[in-house]
N, C-alpha and C. Protein backbone atom coordinates (compact mmCIF):
# COMPACT_ATOMS: atom_id res chain seq x y z
N MET A 1 1.32 -1.08 -0.05
CA MET A 1 -0.29 -0.03 0.20
C MET A 1 0.48 1.54 0.39
N LEU A 2 1.87 1.28 0.78
CA LEU A 2 2.86 2.50 0.90
C LEU A 2 3.80 2.81 -0.79
N ARG A 3 3.65 1.69 -1.42
CA ARG A 3 4.38 2.18 -2.57
C ARG A 3 3.31 2.90 -3.91
N HIS A 4 2.14 2.99 -3.29
CA HIS A 4 1.38 3.68 -4.11
C HIS A 4 1.03 5.43 -3.06
N VAL A 5 1.89 5.52 -2.16
CA VAL A 5 1.84 6.41 -1.83
C VAL A 5 2.48 8.08 -2.85
N PRO A 6 3.28 7.85 -3.10
CA PRO A 6 4.61 8.86 -3.70
C PRO A 6 3.55 9.08 -4.36
N ASN A 7 2.87 8.31 -6.22
CA ASN A 7 2.54 8.49 -7.18
C ASN A 7 1.07 9.08 -7.34
N ALA A 8 0.22 8.50 -5.87
CA ALA A 8 -0.91 9.01 -5.15
C ALA A 8 -1.01 10.70 -5.00
N LEU A 9 0.21 10.79 -4.56
CA LEU A 9 0.76 12.21 -4.16
C LEU A 9 1.00 13.49 -5.27
N SER A 10 0.96 12.68 -6.88
CA SER A 10 1.78 13.39 -7.57
C SER A 10 0.21 13.56 -8.68
N ILE A 11 -0.62 12.51 -8.53
CA ILE A 11 -1.94 12.50 -9.38
C ILE A 11 -3.14 13.30 -8.64
N ALA A 12 -2.74 13.46 -7.31
CA ALA A 12 -3.68 14.60 -6.67
C ALA A 12 -3.34 15.66 -6.71
N ARG A 13 -1.51 15.63 -7.01
CA ARG A 13 -1.52 17.67 -7.08
C ARG A 13 -1.64 17.87 -9.03
N ILE A 14 -1.47 17.06 -9.32
CA ILE A 14 -2.41 16.84 -11.33
C ILE A 14 -3.40 17.66 -10.87
N ILE A 15 -4.33 16.70 -10.23
CA ILE A 15 -5.82 17.08 -10.18
C ILE A 15 -5.75 18.38 -9.64
N ALA A 16 -5.12 18.55 -8.41
CA ALA A 16 -4.86 19.92 -7.82
C ALA A 16 -5.12 20.78 -8.78
N ALA A 17 -4.21 20.98 -9.27
CA ALA A 17 -3.30 22.32 -10.22
C ALA A 17 -4.63 22.41 -11.50
N LEU A 18 -5.33 21.12 -11.68
CA LEU A 18 -6.27 21.57 -12.52
C LEU A 18 -7.46 22.56 -12.33
N VAL A 19 -8.37 21.99 -11.03
CA VAL A 19 -9.36 22.27 -10.63
C VAL A 19 -8.74 23.72 -9.81
N MET A 20 -7.17 23.93 -9.67
CA MET A 20 -6.53 25.31 -9.38
C MET A 20 -6.63 26.34 -10.22
N VAL A 21 -6.63 25.97 -11.99
CA VAL A 21 -7.04 26.68 -13.08
C VAL A 21 -8.06 26.98 -12.95
N GLY A 22 -8.90 26.45 -12.49
CA GLY A 22 -10.79 26.54 -13.03
C GLY A 22 -10.85 28.01 -11.97
N LEU A 23 -10.60 27.58 -10.61
CA LEU A 23 -10.98 28.80 -10.01
C LEU A 23 -9.66 30.14 -9.77
N ALA A 24 -8.39 30.06 -10.40
CA ALA A 24 -8.45 31.27 -10.27
C ALA A 24 -8.86 31.68 -11.21
N LEU A 25 -9.79 31.24 -13.26
CA LEU A 25 -10.27 32.38 -14.23
C LEU A 25 -11.28 32.03 -13.26
N GLU A 26 -12.41 31.59 -12.36
CA GLU A 26 -13.73 32.56 -11.53
C GLU A 26 -13.36 33.46 -10.45
N GLN A 27 -11.71 33.67 -10.43
CA GLN A 27 -11.39 34.58 -9.16
C GLN A 27 -11.88 34.45 -7.98
N LEU A 28 -12.10 32.62 -7.78
CA LEU A 28 -12.32 32.31 -6.47
C LEU A 28 -10.74 32.92 -5.21
N GLN A 29 -10.15 33.10 -4.89
CA GLN A 29 -8.78 33.30 -3.62
C GLN A 29 -9.02 32.41 -3.28
N ARG A 30 -10.03 32.32 -2.24
CA ARG A 30 -9.87 31.80 -0.81
C ARG A 30 -10.01 29.77 -1.30
N PRO A 31 -10.34 29.26 -1.83
CA PRO A 31 -10.31 28.34 -2.09
C PRO A 31 -9.21 27.79 -3.26
N TYR A 32 -8.63 28.41 -4.10
CA TYR A 32 -8.18 28.65 -4.00
C TYR A 32 -6.68 28.77 -3.95
N THR A 33 -6.34 29.04 -2.73
CA THR A 33 -5.52 29.68 -2.15
C THR A 33 -5.23 27.89 -1.17
N TRP A 34 -6.58 27.74 -0.09
CA TRP A 34 -6.87 26.65 0.25
C TRP A 34 -6.23 25.38 -0.31
N LEU A 35 -6.76 24.96 -1.53
CA LEU A 35 -5.90 24.15 -2.56
C LEU A 35 -4.09 23.96 -2.89
N LEU A 36 -4.51 25.72 -3.00
CA LEU A 36 -2.33 25.20 -2.51
C LEU A 36 -1.91 25.27 -1.99
N LEU A 37 -2.12 25.19 -0.75
CA LEU A 37 -0.80 24.76 0.04
C LEU A 37 -0.65 23.19 0.03
N PRO A 38 -1.69 22.32 0.25
CA PRO A 38 -1.25 21.13 0.00
C PRO A 38 -1.09 21.22 -1.23
N ALA A 39 -1.72 21.06 -2.57
CA ALA A 39 -0.48 21.04 -3.37
C ALA A 39 1.06 21.52 -2.88
N LEU A 40 1.14 22.72 -2.82
CA LEU A 40 2.60 23.18 -2.73
C LEU A 40 3.23 21.21 -1.93
N LEU A 41 2.65 21.22 -0.63
CA LEU A 41 3.51 20.26 0.49
C LEU A 41 3.10 19.35 -0.61
N SER A 42 2.21 18.52 -0.89
CA SER A 42 2.84 17.76 -1.57
C SER A 42 3.85 17.05 -2.86
N ASP A 43 4.19 18.16 -2.97
CA ASP A 43 5.67 18.32 -4.36
C ASP A 43 6.35 17.65 -3.27
N ILE A 44 6.56 18.41 -1.81
CA ILE A 44 7.71 18.04 -0.99
C ILE A 44 7.61 16.55 -0.77
N ALA A 45 6.34 16.34 -0.31
CA ALA A 45 5.55 14.98 0.76
C ALA A 45 6.21 13.89 -0.41
N ASP A 46 5.55 14.05 -1.68
CA ASP A 46 5.82 12.63 -2.16
C ASP A 46 7.78 12.55 -2.65
N GLY A 47 8.27 13.17 -3.39
CA GLY A 47 10.17 13.36 -2.83
C GLY A 47 10.74 12.54 -1.84
N LEU A 48 10.20 13.01 -1.12
CA LEU A 48 10.86 12.64 0.51
C LEU A 48 10.62 11.11 0.81
N ILE A 49 8.73 10.72 0.70
CA ILE A 49 8.59 9.10 1.04
C ILE A 49 9.12 8.75 0.13
N ALA A 50 9.28 8.91 -1.41
CA ALA A 50 9.40 7.90 -2.12
C ALA A 50 10.93 7.55 -1.95
N ARG A 51 11.65 8.99 -1.65
CA ARG A 51 13.69 8.31 -1.51
C ARG A 51 13.41 7.55 0.56
N GLY A 52 12.55 8.08 0.98
CA GLY A 52 12.63 7.78 2.55
C GLY A 52 12.74 6.40 2.39
N PHE A 53 11.30 6.02 1.57
CA PHE A 53 10.52 4.24 1.60
C PHE A 53 11.69 3.34 0.53
N GLY A 54 12.51 4.25 -0.18
CA GLY A 54 13.09 3.60 -1.64
C GLY A 54 11.88 3.17 -2.54
N LEU A 55 11.02 4.08 -2.48
CA LEU A 55 10.02 3.72 -3.16
C LEU A 55 10.35 4.63 -5.08
N GLU A 56 11.34 4.69 -5.23
CA GLU A 56 11.35 5.42 -6.89
C GLU A 56 11.26 5.10 -7.84
N SER A 57 10.56 5.26 -8.82
CA SER A 57 9.99 4.85 -10.05
C SER A 57 10.04 5.90 -11.17
N ARG A 58 10.39 4.91 -12.56
CA ARG A 58 9.85 6.19 -13.35
C ARG A 58 8.85 6.74 -13.73
N LEU A 59 7.61 6.01 -13.17
CA LEU A 59 6.99 6.12 -13.14
C LEU A 59 6.29 7.26 -12.37
N GLY A 60 6.50 7.37 -11.48
CA GLY A 60 6.50 8.31 -10.16
C GLY A 60 7.43 9.95 -10.52
N ALA A 61 8.44 9.58 -11.54
CA ALA A 61 9.27 10.87 -12.10
C ALA A 61 8.54 11.30 -12.16
N LYS A 62 7.83 10.53 -13.31
CA LYS A 62 7.41 11.29 -14.70
C LYS A 62 5.98 11.91 -13.93
N LEU A 63 5.23 11.61 -13.16
CA LEU A 63 4.56 11.62 -12.58
C LEU A 63 4.57 13.07 -12.19
N ASP A 64 6.31 12.65 -11.27
CA ASP A 64 6.20 14.34 -10.36
C ASP A 64 6.27 15.96 -11.04
N SER A 65 6.70 15.15 -12.70
CA SER A 65 7.48 16.37 -13.27
C SER A 65 6.32 16.98 -13.78
N ALA A 66 5.17 15.72 -13.90
CA ALA A 66 4.18 16.15 -14.74
C ALA A 66 3.32 17.48 -13.07
N GLY A 67 3.06 16.79 -12.42
CA GLY A 67 2.63 17.66 -11.36
C GLY A 67 2.99 19.09 -10.82
N ASP A 68 4.61 18.94 -11.05
CA ASP A 68 5.04 20.17 -10.60
C ASP A 68 4.79 21.15 -12.18
N ALA A 69 4.97 20.39 -13.14
CA ALA A 69 4.63 21.39 -14.83
C ALA A 69 3.28 22.29 -14.15
N LEU A 70 2.40 21.47 -14.54
CA LEU A 70 1.08 21.57 -14.10
C LEU A 70 0.73 22.69 -12.95
N LEU A 71 1.12 22.56 -12.35
CA LEU A 71 1.42 23.12 -10.70
C LEU A 71 1.76 24.91 -10.81
N THR A 72 2.83 24.76 -11.21
CA THR A 72 3.48 25.75 -12.47
C THR A 72 2.50 26.68 -13.36
N VAL A 73 2.01 26.17 -13.49
CA VAL A 73 0.73 27.06 -14.82
C VAL A 73 -0.41 27.64 -13.83
N ALA A 74 -0.84 26.24 -12.86
CA ALA A 74 -1.78 26.84 -11.92
C ALA A 74 -1.33 28.23 -11.66
N ILE A 75 -0.32 28.40 -10.50
CA ILE A 75 0.42 28.98 -10.03
C ILE A 75 -0.05 31.02 -10.49
N PHE A 76 1.13 30.29 -11.86
CA PHE A 76 1.03 31.70 -12.06
C PHE A 76 -0.35 32.06 -12.99
N ALA A 77 -1.58 31.35 -13.35
CA ALA A 77 -3.16 31.48 -12.95
C ALA A 77 -3.57 32.82 -11.88
N GLY A 78 -2.84 31.54 -11.37
CA GLY A 78 -3.33 32.17 -9.44
C GLY A 78 -2.92 34.14 -9.73
N ILE A 79 -1.78 34.16 -9.94
CA ILE A 79 -0.50 35.26 -9.96
C ILE A 79 -1.20 36.20 -10.70
N TRP A 80 -1.37 36.09 -11.98
CA TRP A 80 -2.56 36.41 -12.59
C TRP A 80 -3.46 37.37 -12.62
N ARG A 81 -4.53 35.83 -12.01
CA ARG A 81 -5.87 36.85 -11.47
C ARG A 81 -6.09 37.65 -10.41
N PHE A 82 -5.21 37.29 -9.58
CA PHE A 82 -5.56 37.78 -7.93
C PHE A 82 -4.28 39.05 -8.30
N TYR A 83 -3.49 38.70 -8.47
CA TYR A 83 -1.90 39.76 -8.35
C TYR A 83 -1.14 40.56 -10.07
N PRO A 84 -2.62 40.21 -10.17
CA PRO A 84 -1.39 41.34 -11.94
C PRO A 84 -1.22 42.93 -11.48
N ASP A 85 -0.37 43.43 -10.04
CA ASP A 85 0.14 44.45 -10.60
C ASP A 85 2.04 43.50 -10.21
N MET A 86 1.53 42.21 -9.49
CA MET A 86 2.97 41.90 -9.48
C MET A 86 3.77 41.74 -10.83
N ILE A 87 3.26 41.09 -12.27
CA ILE A 87 3.00 40.56 -13.28
C ILE A 87 3.06 42.10 -14.15
N ARG A 88 2.78 43.07 -14.12
CA ARG A 88 3.60 44.26 -14.71
C ARG A 88 4.28 44.39 -14.12
N ASP A 89 4.46 45.23 -12.68
CA ASP A 89 5.40 45.27 -11.73
C ASP A 89 6.98 45.33 -12.66
N HIS A 90 6.87 43.49 -12.35
CA HIS A 90 8.22 43.23 -12.69
C HIS A 90 8.15 41.59 -13.82
N TRP A 91 7.40 42.19 -14.82
CA TRP A 91 7.60 41.64 -15.73
C TRP A 91 8.47 40.57 -16.49
N LEU A 92 9.92 41.75 -16.37
CA LEU A 92 10.90 40.92 -17.22
C LEU A 92 11.57 40.38 -16.09
N ALA A 93 11.36 39.88 -14.91
CA ALA A 93 11.73 39.31 -13.89
C ALA A 93 10.74 37.63 -14.11
N LEU A 94 9.83 38.09 -14.61
CA LEU A 94 8.66 36.89 -14.44
C LEU A 94 8.65 35.93 -16.13
N SER A 95 9.79 37.04 -16.96
CA SER A 95 9.76 35.98 -18.18
C SER A 95 10.66 35.86 -18.08
N LEU A 96 12.07 36.17 -17.47
CA LEU A 96 13.08 35.83 -18.33
C LEU A 96 13.11 33.90 -17.39
N PHE A 97 11.91 33.98 -15.96
CA PHE A 97 11.77 32.90 -15.10
C PHE A 97 11.18 32.11 -16.01
N LEU A 98 10.41 32.56 -17.16
CA LEU A 98 9.26 31.24 -17.55
C LEU A 98 10.34 30.90 -18.74
N GLY A 99 10.34 31.97 -19.93
CA GLY A 99 11.31 31.56 -20.41
C GLY A 99 12.05 30.41 -20.49
N ALA A 100 13.51 30.62 -19.27
CA ALA A 100 13.89 29.39 -18.85
C ALA A 100 13.66 28.04 -18.63
N GLY A 101 12.46 28.17 -17.63
CA GLY A 101 11.62 26.60 -17.43
C GLY A 101 11.29 26.14 -18.78
N LEU A 102 10.44 27.25 -19.85
CA LEU A 102 10.21 27.00 -20.85
C LEU A 102 10.63 25.87 -22.38
N LEU A 103 12.00 26.90 -21.68
CA LEU A 103 12.95 26.26 -22.63
C LEU A 103 13.19 25.24 -22.60
N GLU A 104 13.68 24.64 -21.39
CA GLU A 104 14.43 23.82 -20.46
C GLU A 104 13.45 22.35 -20.99
N TYR A 105 11.35 22.73 -20.86
CA TYR A 105 11.08 21.16 -20.75
C TYR A 105 11.12 21.42 -22.67
N VAL A 106 10.81 22.03 -23.49
CA VAL A 106 11.12 22.17 -25.15
C VAL A 106 12.44 21.03 -25.50
N LEU A 107 13.71 21.74 -24.83
CA LEU A 107 14.97 20.74 -25.43
C LEU A 107 14.85 19.42 -24.76
N ALA A 108 14.37 19.15 -23.55
CA ALA A 108 13.89 17.72 -23.32
C ALA A 108 13.29 16.92 -24.33
N ALA A 109 11.58 17.96 -24.64
CA ALA A 109 10.79 17.12 -25.13
C ALA A 109 12.03 16.63 -26.67
N LEU A 110 12.63 17.63 -27.13
CA LEU A 110 13.83 17.53 -28.39
C LEU A 110 14.68 16.68 -28.12
N ARG A 111 14.87 16.43 -27.55
CA ARG A 111 16.53 15.42 -26.43
C ARG A 111 15.55 14.25 -26.63
N TYR A 112 14.83 13.98 -25.52
CA TYR A 112 14.45 12.90 -25.14
C TYR A 112 13.14 12.46 -25.73
N GLY A 113 12.61 12.90 -25.94
CA GLY A 113 10.68 13.07 -25.95
C GLY A 113 9.89 13.42 -24.66
N ARG A 114 10.24 13.97 -24.17
CA ARG A 114 9.62 14.03 -22.75
C ARG A 114 9.73 14.31 -21.48
N LEU A 115 9.68 14.92 -20.63
CA LEU A 115 9.98 15.90 -19.48
C LEU A 115 11.57 15.63 -19.13
N SER A 116 12.51 16.19 -18.59
CA SER A 116 14.03 15.72 -18.27
C SER A 116 13.74 14.78 -16.81
N SER A 117 13.18 15.08 -15.92
CA SER A 117 12.72 14.45 -14.54
C SER A 117 14.37 14.20 -14.01
N PHE A 118 15.18 14.95 -14.48
CA PHE A 118 16.16 15.37 -13.56
C PHE A 118 16.90 15.37 -11.62
N HIS A 119 15.85 15.91 -11.25
CA HIS A 119 14.75 16.32 -10.26
C HIS A 119 16.07 16.87 -9.53
N THR A 120 17.59 17.38 -9.83
CA THR A 120 19.06 18.29 -9.13
C THR A 120 18.60 18.93 -8.18
N TRP A 121 19.27 18.70 -7.04
CA TRP A 121 19.67 19.68 -6.05
C TRP A 121 18.81 20.65 -6.07
N SER A 122 19.79 21.39 -7.52
CA SER A 122 19.56 23.07 -7.42
C SER A 122 18.81 23.15 -7.73
N SER A 123 17.24 21.98 -8.62
CA SER A 123 15.99 21.99 -8.52
C SER A 123 15.05 21.48 -7.33
N LYS A 124 15.43 20.71 -6.38
CA LYS A 124 14.29 21.43 -5.17
C LYS A 124 15.27 22.25 -4.82
N ALA A 125 16.00 23.01 -4.38
CA ALA A 125 15.78 24.21 -3.75
C ALA A 125 14.84 25.26 -4.04
N ALA A 126 15.56 25.39 -6.04
CA ALA A 126 14.67 26.62 -6.62
C ALA A 126 13.24 26.07 -5.74
N GLY A 127 13.06 24.64 -6.46
CA GLY A 127 11.39 24.13 -5.61
C GLY A 127 11.10 25.18 -4.21
N PHE A 128 11.88 24.85 -3.02
CA PHE A 128 11.39 24.99 -2.04
C PHE A 128 11.37 27.06 -2.11
N LEU A 129 12.67 27.26 -2.23
CA LEU A 129 11.63 28.91 -2.81
C LEU A 129 10.78 29.45 -3.45
N LEU A 130 10.58 28.66 -4.60
CA LEU A 130 9.75 29.08 -4.99
C LEU A 130 8.22 28.78 -3.97
N VAL A 131 8.47 27.53 -3.34
CA VAL A 131 7.08 27.47 -2.77
C VAL A 131 7.20 28.07 -1.18
N VAL A 132 8.12 28.74 -0.88
CA VAL A 132 7.86 29.22 -0.06
C VAL A 132 7.82 30.78 0.00
N PHE A 133 8.14 31.30 -1.39
CA PHE A 133 6.99 32.76 -2.00
C PHE A 133 6.52 32.71 -1.96
N VAL A 134 5.44 31.57 -2.83
CA VAL A 134 4.18 31.51 -3.06
C VAL A 134 3.41 31.59 -2.03
N ALA A 135 3.59 30.49 -1.39
CA ALA A 135 3.04 30.74 -0.09
C ALA A 135 2.84 31.88 0.85
N VAL A 136 3.79 32.09 0.80
CA VAL A 136 3.82 33.97 1.57
C VAL A 136 3.47 34.92 0.53
N LEU A 137 3.53 34.56 -0.76
CA LEU A 137 2.28 35.71 -1.64
C LEU A 137 1.20 35.74 -1.41
N PHE A 138 0.23 34.01 -0.82
CA PHE A 138 -1.03 34.06 -1.04
C PHE A 138 -1.79 34.25 0.47
N LEU A 139 -0.63 34.04 1.20
CA LEU A 139 -1.32 34.58 2.54
C LEU A 139 -0.79 35.54 3.31
N HIS A 140 0.26 36.78 2.78
CA HIS A 140 0.74 37.51 3.37
C HIS A 140 0.93 38.77 3.00
N GLY A 141 1.47 38.69 1.76
CA GLY A 141 1.31 39.43 0.25
C GLY A 141 2.88 39.42 -0.57
N PHE A 142 3.40 40.64 -1.59
CA PHE A 142 4.53 40.32 -2.32
C PHE A 142 5.74 40.88 -1.20
N VAL A 143 6.64 39.31 -1.23
CA VAL A 143 7.52 40.45 -0.56
C VAL A 143 9.05 39.96 -1.35
N PRO A 144 9.31 41.07 -1.88
CA PRO A 144 9.72 41.11 -3.05
C PRO A 144 12.03 40.75 -3.79
N TRP A 145 12.15 40.68 -1.91
CA TRP A 145 13.66 39.66 -1.72
C TRP A 145 13.43 38.17 -2.45
N LEU A 146 12.44 38.13 -2.20
CA LEU A 146 12.27 36.05 -1.57
C LEU A 146 11.90 36.36 -3.45
N PHE A 147 11.04 37.15 -3.54
CA PHE A 147 10.86 36.94 -5.17
C PHE A 147 12.10 36.88 -5.69
N TYR A 148 13.11 37.82 -5.52
CA TYR A 148 14.01 37.61 -6.83
C TYR A 148 15.14 36.65 -6.48
N LEU A 149 14.80 36.04 -4.95
CA LEU A 149 15.37 35.20 -4.89
C LEU A 149 15.28 34.03 -5.17
N ALA A 150 14.50 33.84 -5.33
CA ALA A 150 13.64 32.84 -5.96
C ALA A 150 13.65 31.90 -7.58
N ILE A 151 13.32 33.24 -8.52
CA ILE A 151 13.75 33.71 -9.87
C ILE A 151 15.03 33.06 -10.23
N THR A 152 16.03 33.68 -9.19
CA THR A 152 17.47 34.01 -10.02
C THR A 152 18.22 32.46 -9.78
N VAL A 153 17.40 31.87 -7.84
CA VAL A 153 17.92 30.18 -8.14
C VAL A 153 17.35 29.23 -9.24
N SER A 154 15.96 29.17 -9.29
CA SER A 154 15.61 28.56 -10.29
C SER A 154 16.45 28.94 -11.78
N ILE A 155 16.58 30.54 -12.17
CA ILE A 155 16.63 30.57 -13.25
C ILE A 155 18.82 29.53 -13.61
N LEU A 156 19.21 29.83 -12.18
CA LEU A 156 20.36 28.89 -12.26
C LEU A 156 20.31 27.61 -12.22
N SER A 157 19.36 27.25 -11.47
CA SER A 157 19.05 25.53 -11.77
C SER A 157 18.94 25.27 -13.19
N ASN A 158 17.98 26.23 -13.64
CA ASN A 158 18.03 25.31 -14.86
C ASN A 158 18.72 25.18 -16.48
N LEU A 159 19.41 26.70 -16.06
CA LEU A 159 21.11 26.68 -16.83
C LEU A 159 22.27 25.23 -16.36
N GLU A 160 21.86 24.57 -15.27
CA GLU A 160 22.32 23.18 -14.70
C GLU A 160 21.82 22.31 -15.49
N GLU A 161 20.55 22.29 -15.69
CA GLU A 161 19.31 21.30 -16.81
C GLU A 161 20.15 21.74 -18.00
N TYR A 162 20.30 23.04 -18.44
CA TYR A 162 20.56 22.39 -20.15
C TYR A 162 21.87 22.02 -20.03
N ALA A 163 22.33 21.87 -18.86
CA ALA A 163 23.92 21.17 -19.18
C ALA A 163 23.70 19.92 -19.39
N LEU A 164 22.87 19.39 -18.13
CA LEU A 164 22.52 18.17 -18.21
C LEU A 164 21.88 17.74 -19.42
N LEU A 165 20.94 18.64 -19.82
CA LEU A 165 20.45 18.30 -21.32
C LEU A 165 21.84 17.71 -22.41
N ALA A 166 22.79 18.45 -22.76
CA ALA A 166 23.66 18.25 -22.91
C ALA A 166 24.15 17.34 -23.38
N LEU A 167 24.96 16.97 -22.02
CA LEU A 167 26.26 16.07 -21.47
C LEU A 167 25.18 14.41 -21.41
N LEU A 168 23.62 14.60 -21.12
CA LEU A 168 23.08 13.31 -21.37
C LEU A 168 22.94 12.60 -22.18
N PRO A 169 23.49 11.65 -23.19
CA PRO A 169 22.72 11.08 -25.19
C PRO A 169 21.06 11.19 -24.34
N ASN A 170 21.04 9.64 -22.99
CA ASN A 170 19.43 9.28 -22.37
C ASN A 170 19.16 9.54 -22.03
N TRP A 171 17.65 10.33 -21.78
CA TRP A 171 16.72 9.35 -20.17
C TRP A 171 17.21 9.25 -19.52
N ARG A 172 17.70 10.13 -18.29
CA ARG A 172 17.58 9.74 -16.80
C ARG A 172 16.79 10.47 -15.90
N ALA A 173 16.43 9.83 -15.00
CA ALA A 173 15.56 10.87 -13.87
C ALA A 173 16.11 10.76 -12.68
N ASP A 174 16.63 11.71 -11.61
CA ASP A 174 17.48 11.98 -10.59
C ASP A 174 18.89 11.60 -10.40
N VAL A 175 19.30 12.55 -11.53
CA VAL A 175 20.79 12.87 -12.15
C VAL A 175 20.97 13.46 -10.53
N ARG A 176 20.58 14.30 -9.58
CA ARG A 176 20.97 15.02 -8.75
C ARG A 176 22.15 16.56 -8.99
N GLY A 177 22.77 15.83 -10.62
CA GLY A 177 23.37 17.88 -11.08
C GLY A 177 24.34 17.82 -11.17
N LEU A 178 25.45 18.17 -11.58
CA LEU A 178 26.69 18.21 -12.70
C LEU A 178 27.46 17.67 -11.99
N TRP A 179 27.69 17.63 -10.48
CA TRP A 179 28.64 17.61 -9.75
C TRP A 179 28.33 15.80 -9.19
N SER A 180 27.26 15.14 -9.86
CA SER A 180 26.77 13.83 -9.89
C SER A 180 27.55 12.95 -10.89
N LEU A 181 26.90 14.01 -11.51
CA LEU A 181 27.78 13.33 -12.84
C LEU A 181 29.23 13.11 -13.20
N ALA A 182 29.45 14.33 -12.83
CA ALA A 182 31.09 14.39 -12.62
C ALA A 182 31.42 13.34 -11.92
N ARG A 183 31.65 13.31 -10.52
CA ARG A 183 31.49 12.39 -9.85
C ARG A 183 31.73 10.77 -10.18
N LYS A 184 30.56 10.11 -11.25
CA LYS A 184 30.64 9.01 -11.50
C LYS A 184 31.37 8.78 -12.79
N ARG A 185 31.61 9.90 -14.02
CA ARG A 185 32.60 10.12 -14.97
C ARG A 185 33.55 9.36 -14.06
N THR A 186 33.83 10.27 -13.05
CA THR A 186 35.75 10.62 -12.92
C THR A 186 35.52 9.37 -11.76
N ALA A 187 35.09 8.65 -11.21
CA ALA A 187 35.29 7.17 -10.24
C ALA A 187 35.70 5.79 -11.00
N PRO A 188 36.69 5.60 -10.26
CA PRO A 188 37.45 4.55 -10.83
C PRO A 188 36.42 3.33 -11.13
């Protein structure tokens, strides 16, 4: 039974993201926010459970990546509907963030025919900072330094993933980072 928990959390996040887009379109901020918080936490929980209990799988990596991508869309739908001033005032940083993420998706699709699912440590750090920023945004309001920190770490993480895409000819999940790849190549 436990082996299905990480995948169930990812599937729940996928469904929640789709519902959140609908709530954002209907301008229902309170239910959106109440669904956002467990969706953000499920992103952390599924990976911790999978790694902690040795339940990692290719399907789990794919579901997690799909859930992350859809949750990102849902978050942007919520920001677009509930915080349009933030988009207007910080459009350049948001454009760079979105462009870097979309480029990684496109490059992975061209290279592997699917999302990369590298799950690097830098992407985890970026994800954590984005979760904190989004939670603070919807519960407290806009905090500029947190926004720019999350955006910067996310873009740097995308740069690492571009390098991994260039270095890895075949799809591999859970690469962890360039340092991990370099360590494996130099091991005797």
